[in-house]
Full PDB file with SEQRES, HELIX, SHEET, SSBOND, CRYST1, ORIGX, SCALE, CONECT and MASTER records, all heavy atoms in Angstrom:
SEQRES   1 A   41  VAL ASP GLY ILE THR VAL SER GLY SER ALA ASN TYR ASN          
SEQRES   2 A   41  PHE ALA ALA ASP ALA ASP LEU HIS LEU VAL ALA ARG PHE          
SEQRES   3 A   41  SER VAL GLN SER LEU ASP VAL THR THR ILE VAL ASN PRO          
SEQRES   4 A   41  VAL GLY                                                      
CRYST1    1.000    1.000    1.000  90.00  90.00  90.00 P 1           1          
ORIGX1      1.000000  0.000000  0.000000        0.00000                         
ORIGX2      0.000000  1.000000  0.000000        0.00000                         
ORIGX3      0.000000  0.000000  1.000000        0.00000                         
SCALE1      1.000000  0.000000  0.000000        0.00000                         
SCALE2      0.000000  1.000000  0.000000        0.00000                         
SCALE3      0.000000  0.000000  1.000000        0.00000                         
ATOM      1  N   VAL A   1       8.738 -10.724   0.797  1.00  0.00           N  
ATOM      2  CA  VAL A   1       9.807 -11.601   1.271  1.00  0.00           C  
ATOM      3  C   VAL A   1      10.562 -12.089   0.047  1.00  0.00           C  
ATOM      4  O   VAL A   1       9.973 -12.745  -0.823  1.00  0.00           O  
ATOM      5  CB  VAL A   1       9.257 -12.803   2.079  1.00  0.00           C  
ATOM      6  CG1 VAL A   1      10.398 -13.754   2.436  1.00  0.00           C  
ATOM      7  CG2 VAL A   1       8.554 -12.328   3.342  1.00  0.00           C  
ATOM      8  N   ASP A   2      11.829 -11.729  -0.031  1.00  0.00           N  
ATOM      9  CA  ASP A   2      12.656 -12.083  -1.193  1.00  0.00           C  
ATOM     10  C   ASP A   2      12.000 -11.616  -2.491  1.00  0.00           C  
ATOM     11  O   ASP A   2      12.017 -12.319  -3.504  1.00  0.00           O  
ATOM     12  CB  ASP A   2      12.899 -13.589  -1.244  1.00  0.00           C  
ATOM     13  CG  ASP A   2      13.734 -14.075  -0.073  1.00  0.00           C  
ATOM     14  OD1 ASP A   2      14.550 -13.282   0.435  1.00  0.00           O  
ATOM     15  OD2 ASP A   2      13.560 -15.242   0.348  1.00  0.00           O  
ATOM     16  N   GLY A   3      11.393 -10.437  -2.431  1.00  0.00           N  
ATOM     17  CA  GLY A   3      10.797  -9.856  -3.624  1.00  0.00           C  
ATOM     18  C   GLY A   3       9.425 -10.392  -3.982  1.00  0.00           C  
ATOM     19  O   GLY A   3       8.827  -9.972  -4.980  1.00  0.00           O  
ATOM     20  N   ILE A   4       8.897 -11.304  -3.169  1.00  0.00           N  
ATOM     21  CA  ILE A   4       7.586 -11.904  -3.439  1.00  0.00           C  
ATOM     22  C   ILE A   4       6.565 -11.347  -2.451  1.00  0.00           C  
ATOM     23  O   ILE A   4       6.816 -11.292  -1.244  1.00  0.00           O  
ATOM     24  CB  ILE A   4       7.648 -13.432  -3.322  1.00  0.00           C  
ATOM     25  CG1 ILE A   4       8.639 -13.995  -4.350  1.00  0.00           C  
ATOM     26  CG2 ILE A   4       6.273 -14.061  -3.535  1.00  0.00           C  
ATOM     27  CD1 ILE A   4       8.883 -15.478  -4.209  1.00  0.00           C  
ATOM     28  N   THR A   5       5.417 -10.933  -2.977  1.00  0.00           N  
ATOM     29  CA  THR A   5       4.362 -10.378  -2.122  1.00  0.00           C  
ATOM     30  C   THR A   5       3.770 -11.471  -1.239  1.00  0.00           C  
ATOM     31  O   THR A   5       3.379 -12.539  -1.724  1.00  0.00           O  
ATOM     32  CB  THR A   5       3.253  -9.755  -2.985  1.00  0.00           C  
ATOM     33  OG1 THR A   5       3.808  -8.728  -3.800  1.00  0.00           O  
ATOM     34  CG2 THR A   5       2.153  -9.174  -2.099  1.00  0.00           C  
ATOM     35  N   VAL A   6       3.712 -11.213   0.067  1.00  0.00           N  
ATOM     36  CA  VAL A   6       3.116 -12.173   0.999  1.00  0.00           C  
ATOM     37  C   VAL A   6       1.842 -11.631   1.637  1.00  0.00           C  
ATOM     38  O   VAL A   6       1.041 -12.394   2.162  1.00  0.00           O  
ATOM     39  CB  VAL A   6       4.130 -12.573   2.103  1.00  0.00           C  
ATOM     40  CG1 VAL A   6       5.290 -13.356   1.499  1.00  0.00           C  
ATOM     41  CG2 VAL A   6       4.630 -11.354   2.868  1.00  0.00           C  
ATOM     42  N   SER A   7       1.632 -10.308   1.583  1.00  0.00           N  
ATOM     43  CA  SER A   7       0.405  -9.743   2.141  1.00  0.00           C  
ATOM     44  C   SER A   7       0.228  -8.322   1.640  1.00  0.00           C  
ATOM     45  O   SER A   7       1.208  -7.600   1.424  1.00  0.00           O  
ATOM     46  CB  SER A   7       0.452  -9.739   3.673  1.00  0.00           C  
ATOM     47  OG  SER A   7      -0.719  -9.120   4.219  1.00  0.00           O  
ATOM     48  N   GLY A   8      -1.032  -7.947   1.458  1.00  0.00           N  
ATOM     49  CA  GLY A   8      -1.351  -6.578   1.084  1.00  0.00           C  
ATOM     50  C   GLY A   8      -1.954  -5.799   2.221  1.00  0.00           C  
ATOM     51  O   GLY A   8      -2.388  -4.669   2.042  1.00  0.00           O  
ATOM     52  N   SER A   9      -1.986  -6.431   3.412  1.00  0.00           N  
ATOM     53  CA  SER A   9      -2.557  -5.777   4.587  1.00  0.00           C  
ATOM     54  C   SER A   9      -1.442  -5.178   5.432  1.00  0.00           C  
ATOM     55  O   SER A   9      -0.420  -5.829   5.689  1.00  0.00           O  
ATOM     56  CB  SER A   9      -3.347  -6.791   5.428  1.00  0.00           C  
ATOM     57  OG  SER A   9      -3.757  -6.213   6.649  1.00  0.00           O  
ATOM     58  N   ALA A  10      -1.643  -3.945   5.864  1.00  0.00           N  
ATOM     59  CA  ALA A  10      -0.642  -3.293   6.711  1.00  0.00           C  
ATOM     60  C   ALA A  10      -0.459  -4.044   8.019  1.00  0.00           C  
ATOM     61  O   ALA A  10       0.621  -4.060   8.599  1.00  0.00           O  
ATOM     62  CB  ALA A  10      -1.041  -1.845   6.983  1.00  0.00           C  
ATOM     63  N   ASN A  11      -1.512  -4.691   8.498  1.00  0.00           N  
ATOM     64  CA  ASN A  11      -1.446  -5.512   9.715  1.00  0.00           C  
ATOM     65  C   ASN A  11      -1.316  -6.963   9.276  1.00  0.00           C  
ATOM     66  O   ASN A  11      -2.294  -7.600   8.901  1.00  0.00           O  
ATOM     67  CB  ASN A  11      -2.705  -5.302  10.552  1.00  0.00           C  
ATOM     68  CG  ASN A  11      -2.580  -5.926  11.933  1.00  0.00           C  
ATOM     69  OD1 ASN A  11      -1.626  -6.658  12.210  1.00  0.00           O  
ATOM     70  ND2 ASN A  11      -3.531  -5.662  12.798  1.00  0.00           N  
ATOM     71  N   TYR A  12      -0.090  -7.498   9.324  1.00  0.00           N  
ATOM     72  CA  TYR A  12       0.188  -8.830   8.784  1.00  0.00           C  
ATOM     73  C   TYR A  12       0.544  -9.777   9.928  1.00  0.00           C  
ATOM     74  O   TYR A  12       1.500  -9.550  10.659  1.00  0.00           O  
ATOM     75  CB  TYR A  12       1.340  -8.735   7.785  1.00  0.00           C  
ATOM     76  CG  TYR A  12       1.794 -10.058   7.203  1.00  0.00           C  
ATOM     77  CD1 TYR A  12       0.890 -11.067   6.907  1.00  0.00           C  
ATOM     78  CD2 TYR A  12       3.143 -10.281   6.949  1.00  0.00           C  
ATOM     79  CE1 TYR A  12       1.310 -12.262   6.368  1.00  0.00           C  
ATOM     80  CE2 TYR A  12       3.579 -11.486   6.397  1.00  0.00           C  
ATOM     81  CZ  TYR A  12       2.653 -12.470   6.116  1.00  0.00           C  
ATOM     82  OH  TYR A  12       3.067 -13.668   5.575  1.00  0.00           O  
ATOM     83  N   ASN A  13      -0.261 -10.834  10.099  1.00  0.00           N  
ATOM     84  CA  ASN A  13      -0.040 -11.829  11.156  1.00  0.00           C  
ATOM     85  C   ASN A  13       0.318 -13.173  10.523  1.00  0.00           C  
ATOM     86  O   ASN A  13      -0.302 -13.591   9.545  1.00  0.00           O  
ATOM     87  CB  ASN A  13      -1.289 -12.004  12.021  1.00  0.00           C  
ATOM     88  CG  ASN A  13      -1.695 -10.710  12.705  1.00  0.00           C  
ATOM     89  OD1 ASN A  13      -0.861  -9.838  12.926  1.00  0.00           O  
ATOM     90  ND2 ASN A  13      -2.964 -10.581  13.038  1.00  0.00           N  
ATOM     91  N   PHE A  14       1.316 -13.877  11.129  1.00  0.00           N  
ATOM     92  CA  PHE A  14       1.689 -15.200  10.644  1.00  0.00           C  
ATOM     93  C   PHE A  14       2.416 -15.939  11.760  1.00  0.00           C  
ATOM     94  O   PHE A  14       2.856 -15.339  12.751  1.00  0.00           O  
ATOM     95  CB  PHE A  14       2.576 -15.104   9.398  1.00  0.00           C  
ATOM     96  CG  PHE A  14       3.871 -14.373   9.612  1.00  0.00           C  
ATOM     97  CD1 PHE A  14       5.031 -15.051   9.948  1.00  0.00           C  
ATOM     98  CD2 PHE A  14       3.936 -12.979   9.491  1.00  0.00           C  
ATOM     99  CE1 PHE A  14       6.220 -14.379  10.157  1.00  0.00           C  
ATOM    100  CE2 PHE A  14       5.122 -12.299   9.696  1.00  0.00           C  
ATOM    101  CZ  PHE A  14       6.273 -12.996  10.043  1.00  0.00           C  
ATOM    102  N   ALA A  15       2.530 -17.266  11.610  1.00  0.00           N  
ATOM    103  CA  ALA A  15       3.198 -18.103  12.611  1.00  0.00           C  
ATOM    104  C   ALA A  15       4.679 -18.213  12.276  1.00  0.00           C  
ATOM    105  O   ALA A  15       5.056 -18.500  11.144  1.00  0.00           O  
ATOM    106  CB  ALA A  15       2.565 -19.490  12.659  1.00  0.00           C  
ATOM    107  N   ALA A  16       5.531 -18.007  13.295  1.00  0.00           N  
ATOM    108  CA  ALA A  16       6.984 -18.057  13.092  1.00  0.00           C  
ATOM    109  C   ALA A  16       7.433 -19.499  12.900  1.00  0.00           C  
ATOM    110  O   ALA A  16       7.082 -20.382  13.685  1.00  0.00           O  
ATOM    111  CB  ALA A  16       7.707 -17.442  14.289  1.00  0.00           C  
ATOM    112  N   ASP A  17       8.197 -19.742  11.845  1.00  0.00           N  
ATOM    113  CA  ASP A  17       8.752 -21.078  11.624  1.00  0.00           C  
ATOM    114  C   ASP A  17      10.158 -21.029  11.022  1.00  0.00           C  
ATOM    115  O   ASP A  17      10.743 -22.059  10.698  1.00  0.00           O  
ATOM    116  CB  ASP A  17       7.838 -21.909  10.720  1.00  0.00           C  
ATOM    117  CG  ASP A  17       7.630 -21.281   9.353  1.00  0.00           C  
ATOM    118  OD1 ASP A  17       8.230 -20.223   9.086  1.00  0.00           O  
ATOM    119  OD2 ASP A  17       6.869 -21.846   8.553  1.00  0.00           O  
ATOM    120  N   ALA A  18      10.726 -19.826  10.883  1.00  0.00           N  
ATOM    121  CA  ALA A  18      12.082 -19.673  10.348  1.00  0.00           C  
ATOM    122  C   ALA A  18      12.515 -18.219  10.521  1.00  0.00           C  
ATOM    123  O   ALA A  18      11.681 -17.333  10.749  1.00  0.00           O  
ATOM    124  CB  ALA A  18      12.122 -20.053   8.862  1.00  0.00           C  
ATOM    125  N   ASP A  19      13.828 -17.992  10.456  1.00  0.00           N  
ATOM    126  CA  ASP A  19      14.309 -16.612  10.423  1.00  0.00           C  
ATOM    127  C   ASP A  19      13.754 -15.952   9.163  1.00  0.00           C  
ATOM    128  O   ASP A  19      13.706 -16.576   8.093  1.00  0.00           O  
ATOM    129  CB  ASP A  19      15.836 -16.572  10.378  1.00  0.00           C  
ATOM    130  CG  ASP A  19      16.463 -17.045  11.692  1.00  0.00           C  
ATOM    131  OD1 ASP A  19      15.766 -17.018  12.722  1.00  0.00           O  
ATOM    132  OD2 ASP A  19      17.640 -17.446  11.669  1.00  0.00           O  
ATOM    133  N   LEU A  20      13.323 -14.686   9.290  1.00  0.00           N  
ATOM    134  CA  LEU A  20      12.653 -14.062   8.160  1.00  0.00           C  
ATOM    135  C   LEU A  20      12.914 -12.554   8.157  1.00  0.00           C  
ATOM    136  O   LEU A  20      12.879 -11.915   9.205  1.00  0.00           O  
ATOM    137  CB  LEU A  20      11.142 -14.319   8.256  1.00  0.00           C  
ATOM    138  CG  LEU A  20      10.331 -14.218   6.959  1.00  0.00           C  
ATOM    139  CD1 LEU A  20      10.810 -15.238   5.942  1.00  0.00           C  
ATOM    140  CD2 LEU A  20       8.858 -14.442   7.247  1.00  0.00           C  
ATOM    141  N   HIS A  21      13.193 -12.028   6.958  1.00  0.00           N  
ATOM    142  CA  HIS A  21      13.302 -10.581   6.788  1.00  0.00           C  
ATOM    143  C   HIS A  21      12.236 -10.139   5.794  1.00  0.00           C  
ATOM    144  O   HIS A  21      12.148 -10.663   4.682  1.00  0.00           O  
ATOM    145  CB  HIS A  21      14.678 -10.177   6.272  1.00  0.00           C  
ATOM    146  CG  HIS A  21      14.802  -8.692   6.069  1.00  0.00           C  
ATOM    147  ND1 HIS A  21      14.958  -7.812   7.126  1.00  0.00           N  
ATOM    148  CD2 HIS A  21      14.733  -7.926   4.941  1.00  0.00           C  
ATOM    149  CE1 HIS A  21      15.006  -6.577   6.659  1.00  0.00           C  
ATOM    150  NE2 HIS A  21      14.875  -6.614   5.343  1.00  0.00           N  
ATOM    151  N   LEU A  22      11.420  -9.168   6.208  1.00  0.00           N  
ATOM    152  CA  LEU A  22      10.334  -8.677   5.370  1.00  0.00           C  
ATOM    153  C   LEU A  22      10.594  -7.226   4.998  1.00  0.00           C  
ATOM    154  O   LEU A  22      11.275  -6.488   5.722  1.00  0.00           O  
ATOM    155  CB  LEU A  22       8.984  -8.782   6.086  1.00  0.00           C  
ATOM    156  CG  LEU A  22       8.552 -10.201   6.460  1.00  0.00           C  
ATOM    157  CD1 LEU A  22       8.877 -10.472   7.919  1.00  0.00           C  
ATOM    158  CD2 LEU A  22       7.052 -10.413   6.208  1.00  0.00           C  
ATOM    159  N   VAL A  23      10.037  -6.825   3.872  1.00  0.00           N  
ATOM    160  CA  VAL A  23      10.126  -5.447   3.411  1.00  0.00           C  
ATOM    161  C   VAL A  23       8.714  -4.874   3.339  1.00  0.00           C  
ATOM    162  O   VAL A  23       7.826  -5.449   2.702  1.00  0.00           O  
ATOM    163  CB  VAL A  23      10.799  -5.358   2.029  1.00  0.00           C  
ATOM    164  CG1 VAL A  23      10.770  -3.922   1.520  1.00  0.00           C  
ATOM    165  CG2 VAL A  23      12.225  -5.867   2.100  1.00  0.00           C  
ATOM    166  N   ALA A  24       8.503  -3.743   4.032  1.00  0.00           N  
ATOM    167  CA  ALA A  24       7.232  -3.027   3.944  1.00  0.00           C  
ATOM    168  C   ALA A  24       7.382  -1.974   2.846  1.00  0.00           C  
ATOM    169  O   ALA A  24       8.165  -1.026   3.009  1.00  0.00           O  
ATOM    170  CB  ALA A  24       6.886  -2.382   5.281  1.00  0.00           C  
ATOM    171  N   ARG A  25       6.679  -2.183   1.748  1.00  0.00           N  
ATOM    172  CA  ARG A  25       6.800  -1.254   0.623  1.00  0.00           C  
ATOM    173  C   ARG A  25       5.676  -0.224   0.678  1.00  0.00           C  
ATOM    174  O   ARG A  25       4.506  -0.571   0.847  1.00  0.00           O  
ATOM    175  CB  ARG A  25       6.757  -2.011  -0.698  1.00  0.00           C  
ATOM    176  CG  ARG A  25       6.814  -1.096  -1.936  1.00  0.00           C  
ATOM    177  CD  ARG A  25       6.846  -1.912  -3.213  1.00  0.00           C  
ATOM    178  NE  ARG A  25       8.148  -2.559  -3.366  1.00  0.00           N  
ATOM    179  CZ  ARG A  25       8.401  -3.447  -4.325  1.00  0.00           C  
ATOM    180  NH1 ARG A  25       7.436  -3.806  -5.169  1.00  0.00           N  
ATOM    181  NH2 ARG A  25       9.590  -4.000  -4.420  1.00  0.00           N  
ATOM    182  N   PHE A  26       6.066   1.042   0.537  1.00  0.00           N  
ATOM    183  CA  PHE A  26       5.120   2.149   0.507  1.00  0.00           C  
ATOM    184  C   PHE A  26       5.258   2.874  -0.834  1.00  0.00           C  
ATOM    185  O   PHE A  26       6.273   2.741  -1.530  1.00  0.00           O  
ATOM    186  CB  PHE A  26       5.397   3.146   1.637  1.00  0.00           C  
ATOM    187  CG  PHE A  26       5.265   2.563   3.016  1.00  0.00           C  
ATOM    188  CD1 PHE A  26       6.333   1.890   3.620  1.00  0.00           C  
ATOM    189  CD2 PHE A  26       4.081   2.681   3.716  1.00  0.00           C  
ATOM    190  CE1 PHE A  26       6.221   1.371   4.878  1.00  0.00           C  
ATOM    191  CE2 PHE A  26       3.965   2.161   4.997  1.00  0.00           C  
ATOM    192  CZ  PHE A  26       5.036   1.497   5.583  1.00  0.00           C  
ATOM    193  N   SER A  27       4.249   3.640  -1.167  1.00  0.00           N  
ATOM    194  CA  SER A  27       4.314   4.492  -2.355  1.00  0.00           C  
ATOM    195  C   SER A  27       3.789   5.879  -1.986  1.00  0.00           C  
ATOM    196  O   SER A  27       3.053   6.041  -1.002  1.00  0.00           O  
ATOM    197  CB  SER A  27       3.490   3.901  -3.503  1.00  0.00           C  
ATOM    198  OG  SER A  27       2.127   3.788  -3.145  1.00  0.00           O  
ATOM    199  N   VAL A  28       4.213   6.869  -2.776  1.00  0.00           N  
ATOM    200  CA  VAL A  28       3.753   8.229  -2.522  1.00  0.00           C  
ATOM    201  C   VAL A  28       2.236   8.274  -2.670  1.00  0.00           C  
ATOM    202  O   VAL A  28       1.675   7.729  -3.630  1.00  0.00           O  
ATOM    203  CB  VAL A  28       4.424   9.223  -3.485  1.00  0.00           C  
ATOM    204  CG1 VAL A  28       3.883  10.634  -3.256  1.00  0.00           C  
ATOM    205  CG2 VAL A  28       5.931   9.201  -3.298  1.00  0.00           C  
ATOM    206  N   GLN A  29       1.571   8.935  -1.740  1.00  0.00           N  
ATOM    207  CA  GLN A  29       0.118   8.996  -1.729  1.00  0.00           C  
ATOM    208  C   GLN A  29      -0.413   9.729  -2.958  1.00  0.00           C  
ATOM    209  O   GLN A  29       0.124  10.759  -3.367  1.00  0.00           O  
ATOM    210  CB  GLN A  29      -0.356   9.700  -0.457  1.00  0.00           C  
ATOM    211  CG  GLN A  29      -1.853   9.662  -0.239  1.00  0.00           C  
ATOM    212  CD  GLN A  29      -2.219  10.301   1.092  1.00  0.00           C  
ATOM    213  OE1 GLN A  29      -1.374  10.904   1.747  1.00  0.00           O  
ATOM    214  NE2 GLN A  29      -3.465  10.175   1.478  1.00  0.00           N  
ATOM    215  N   SER A  30      -1.436   9.171  -3.575  1.00  0.00           N  
ATOM    216  CA  SER A  30      -2.062   9.787  -4.741  1.00  0.00           C  
ATOM    217  C   SER A  30      -3.326  10.524  -4.301  1.00  0.00           C  
ATOM    218  O   SER A  30      -4.201   9.952  -3.645  1.00  0.00           O  
ATOM    219  CB  SER A  30      -2.431   8.725  -5.786  1.00  0.00           C  
ATOM    220  OG  SER A  30      -3.048   9.307  -6.901  1.00  0.00           O  
ATOM    221  N   LEU A  31      -3.401  11.824  -4.676  1.00  0.00           N  
ATOM    222  CA  LEU A  31      -4.536  12.655  -4.260  1.00  0.00           C  
ATOM    223  C   LEU A  31      -5.269  13.188  -5.485  1.00  0.00           C  
ATOM    224  O   LEU A  31      -4.672  13.384  -6.555  1.00  0.00           O  
ATOM    225  CB  LEU A  31      -4.036  13.819  -3.403  1.00  0.00           C  
ATOM    226  CG  LEU A  31      -3.286  13.421  -2.116  1.00  0.00           C  
ATOM    227  CD1 LEU A  31      -2.663  14.642  -1.469  1.00  0.00           C  
ATOM    228  CD2 LEU A  31      -4.229  12.726  -1.152  1.00  0.00           C  
ATOM    229  N   ASP A  32      -6.572  13.412  -5.326  1.00  0.00           N  
ATOM    230  CA  ASP A  32      -7.413  13.878  -6.436  1.00  0.00           C  
ATOM    231  C   ASP A  32      -7.684  15.378  -6.313  1.00  0.00           C  
ATOM    232  O   ASP A  32      -8.030  15.870  -5.237  1.00  0.00           O  
ATOM    233  CB  ASP A  32      -8.742  13.123  -6.464  1.00  0.00           C  
ATOM    234  CG  ASP A  32      -8.569  11.657  -6.801  1.00  0.00           C  
ATOM    235  OD1 ASP A  32      -7.650  11.354  -7.585  1.00  0.00           O  
ATOM    236  OD2 ASP A  32      -9.340  10.831  -6.273  1.00  0.00           O  
ATOM    237  N   VAL A  33      -7.512  16.059  -7.433  1.00  0.00           N  
ATOM    238  CA  VAL A  33      -7.900  17.463  -7.538  1.00  0.00           C  
ATOM    239  C   VAL A  33      -9.093  17.505  -8.493  1.00  0.00           C  
ATOM    240  O   VAL A  33      -8.967  17.263  -9.698  1.00  0.00           O  
ATOM    241  CB  VAL A  33      -6.749  18.336  -8.048  1.00  0.00           C  
ATOM    242  CG1 VAL A  33      -7.252  19.768  -8.267  1.00  0.00           C  
ATOM    243  CG2 VAL A  33      -5.593  18.318  -7.057  1.00  0.00           C  
ATOM    244  N   THR A  34     -10.275  17.773  -7.902  1.00  0.00           N  
ATOM    245  CA  THR A  34     -11.513  17.818  -8.692  1.00  0.00           C  
ATOM    246  C   THR A  34     -11.850  19.275  -9.003  1.00  0.00           C  
ATOM    247  O   THR A  34     -11.794  20.138  -8.114  1.00  0.00           O  
ATOM    248  CB  THR A  34     -12.672  17.171  -7.915  1.00  0.00           C  
ATOM    249  OG1 THR A  34     -12.302  15.833  -7.563  1.00  0.00           O  
ATOM    250  CG2 THR A  34     -13.943  17.164  -8.738  1.00  0.00           C  
ATOM    251  N   THR A  35     -12.199  19.558 -10.255  1.00  0.00           N  
ATOM    252  CA  THR A  35     -12.515  20.934 -10.656  1.00  0.00           C  
ATOM    253  C   THR A  35     -13.978  21.043 -11.057  1.00  0.00           C  
ATOM    254  O   THR A  35     -14.559  20.117 -11.627  1.00  0.00           O  
ATOM    255  CB  THR A  35     -11.634  21.369 -11.825  1.00  0.00           C  
ATOM    256  OG1 THR A  35     -11.804  20.476 -12.922  1.00  0.00           O  
ATOM    257  CG2 THR A  35     -10.163  21.381 -11.412  1.00  0.00           C  
ATOM    258  N   ILE A  36     -14.576  22.226 -10.745  1.00  0.00           N  
ATOM    259  CA  ILE A  36     -15.984  22.496 -11.069  1.00  0.00           C  
ATOM    260  C   ILE A  36     -16.078  23.881 -11.701  1.00  0.00           C  
ATOM    261  O   ILE A  36     -15.470  24.847 -11.216  1.00  0.00           O  
ATOM    262  CB  ILE A  36     -16.867  22.436  -9.801  1.00  0.00           C  
ATOM    263  CG1 ILE A  36     -16.821  21.017  -9.192  1.00  0.00           C  
ATOM    264  CG2 ILE A  36     -18.294  22.851 -10.112  1.00  0.00           C  
ATOM    265  CD1 ILE A  36     -17.583  20.905  -7.878  1.00  0.00           C  
ATOM    266  N   VAL A  37     -16.846  23.973 -12.764  1.00  0.00           N  
ATOM    267  CA  VAL A  37     -17.114  25.262 -13.426  1.00  0.00           C  
ATOM    268  C   VAL A  37     -18.416  25.821 -12.879  1.00  0.00           C  
ATOM    269  O   VAL A  37     -19.439  25.127 -12.848  1.00  0.00           O  
ATOM    270  CB  VAL A  37     -17.195  25.089 -14.953  1.00  0.00           C  
ATOM    271  CG1 VAL A  37     -17.628  26.402 -15.603  1.00  0.00           C  
ATOM    272  CG2 VAL A  37     -15.866  24.620 -15.511  1.00  0.00           C  
ATOM    273  N   ASN A  38     -18.395  27.063 -12.431  1.00  0.00           N  
ATOM    274  CA  ASN A  38     -19.593  27.703 -11.886  1.00  0.00           C  
ATOM    275  C   ASN A  38     -19.759  29.077 -12.545  1.00  0.00           C  
ATOM    276  O   ASN A  38     -18.876  29.943 -12.438  1.00  0.00           O  
ATOM    277  CB  ASN A  38     -19.456  27.870 -10.377  1.00  0.00           C  
ATOM    278  CG  ASN A  38     -20.662  28.585  -9.767  1.00  0.00           C  
ATOM    279  OD1 ASN A  38     -21.794  28.305 -10.126  1.00  0.00           O  
ATOM    280  ND2 ASN A  38     -20.399  29.531  -8.873  1.00  0.00           N  
ATOM    281  N   PRO A  39     -20.902  29.274 -13.215  1.00  0.00           N  
ATOM    282  CA  PRO A  39     -21.971  28.292 -13.454  1.00  0.00           C  
ATOM    283  C   PRO A  39     -21.582  27.326 -14.565  1.00  0.00           C  
ATOM    284  O   PRO A  39     -20.633  27.567 -15.306  1.00  0.00           O  
ATOM    285  CB  PRO A  39     -23.146  29.169 -13.871  1.00  0.00           C  
ATOM    286  CG  PRO A  39     -22.488  30.338 -14.506  1.00  0.00           C  
ATOM    287  CD  PRO A  39     -21.226  30.599 -13.748  1.00  0.00           C  
ATOM    288  N   VAL A  40     -22.345  26.234 -14.656  1.00  0.00           N  
ATOM    289  CA  VAL A  40     -22.055  25.209 -15.648  1.00  0.00           C  
ATOM    290  C   VAL A  40     -22.087  25.816 -17.043  1.00  0.00           C  
ATOM    291  O   VAL A  40     -22.998  26.582 -17.380  1.00  0.00           O  
ATOM    292  CB  VAL A  40     -23.065  24.050 -15.540  1.00  0.00           C  
ATOM    293  CG1 VAL A  40     -22.825  23.024 -16.641  1.00  0.00           C  
ATOM    294  CG2 VAL A  40     -22.986  23.402 -14.157  1.00  0.00           C  
ATOM    295  N   GLY A  41     -21.052  25.480 -17.829  1.00  0.00           N  
ATOM    296  CA  GLY A  41     -20.992  25.961 -19.203  1.00  0.00           C  
ATOM    297  C   GLY A  41     -20.323  27.302 -19.343  1.00  0.00           C  
ATOM    298  O   GLY A  41     -20.156  27.790 -20.470  1.00  0.00           O  
TER     299      GLY A  41                                                      
MASTER        0    0    0    0    0    0    0    6  298    1    0    4          
END                                                                             
């Protein structure tokens, strides 16, 4: 909200007390590529 983090949970609950515009920020998913040598060494 106005550039300030108000929650890190995708499911965000709060009580309404004013007009409000929120931004849901996402980032590109980070994936792991694990490598194994067979046989070891």
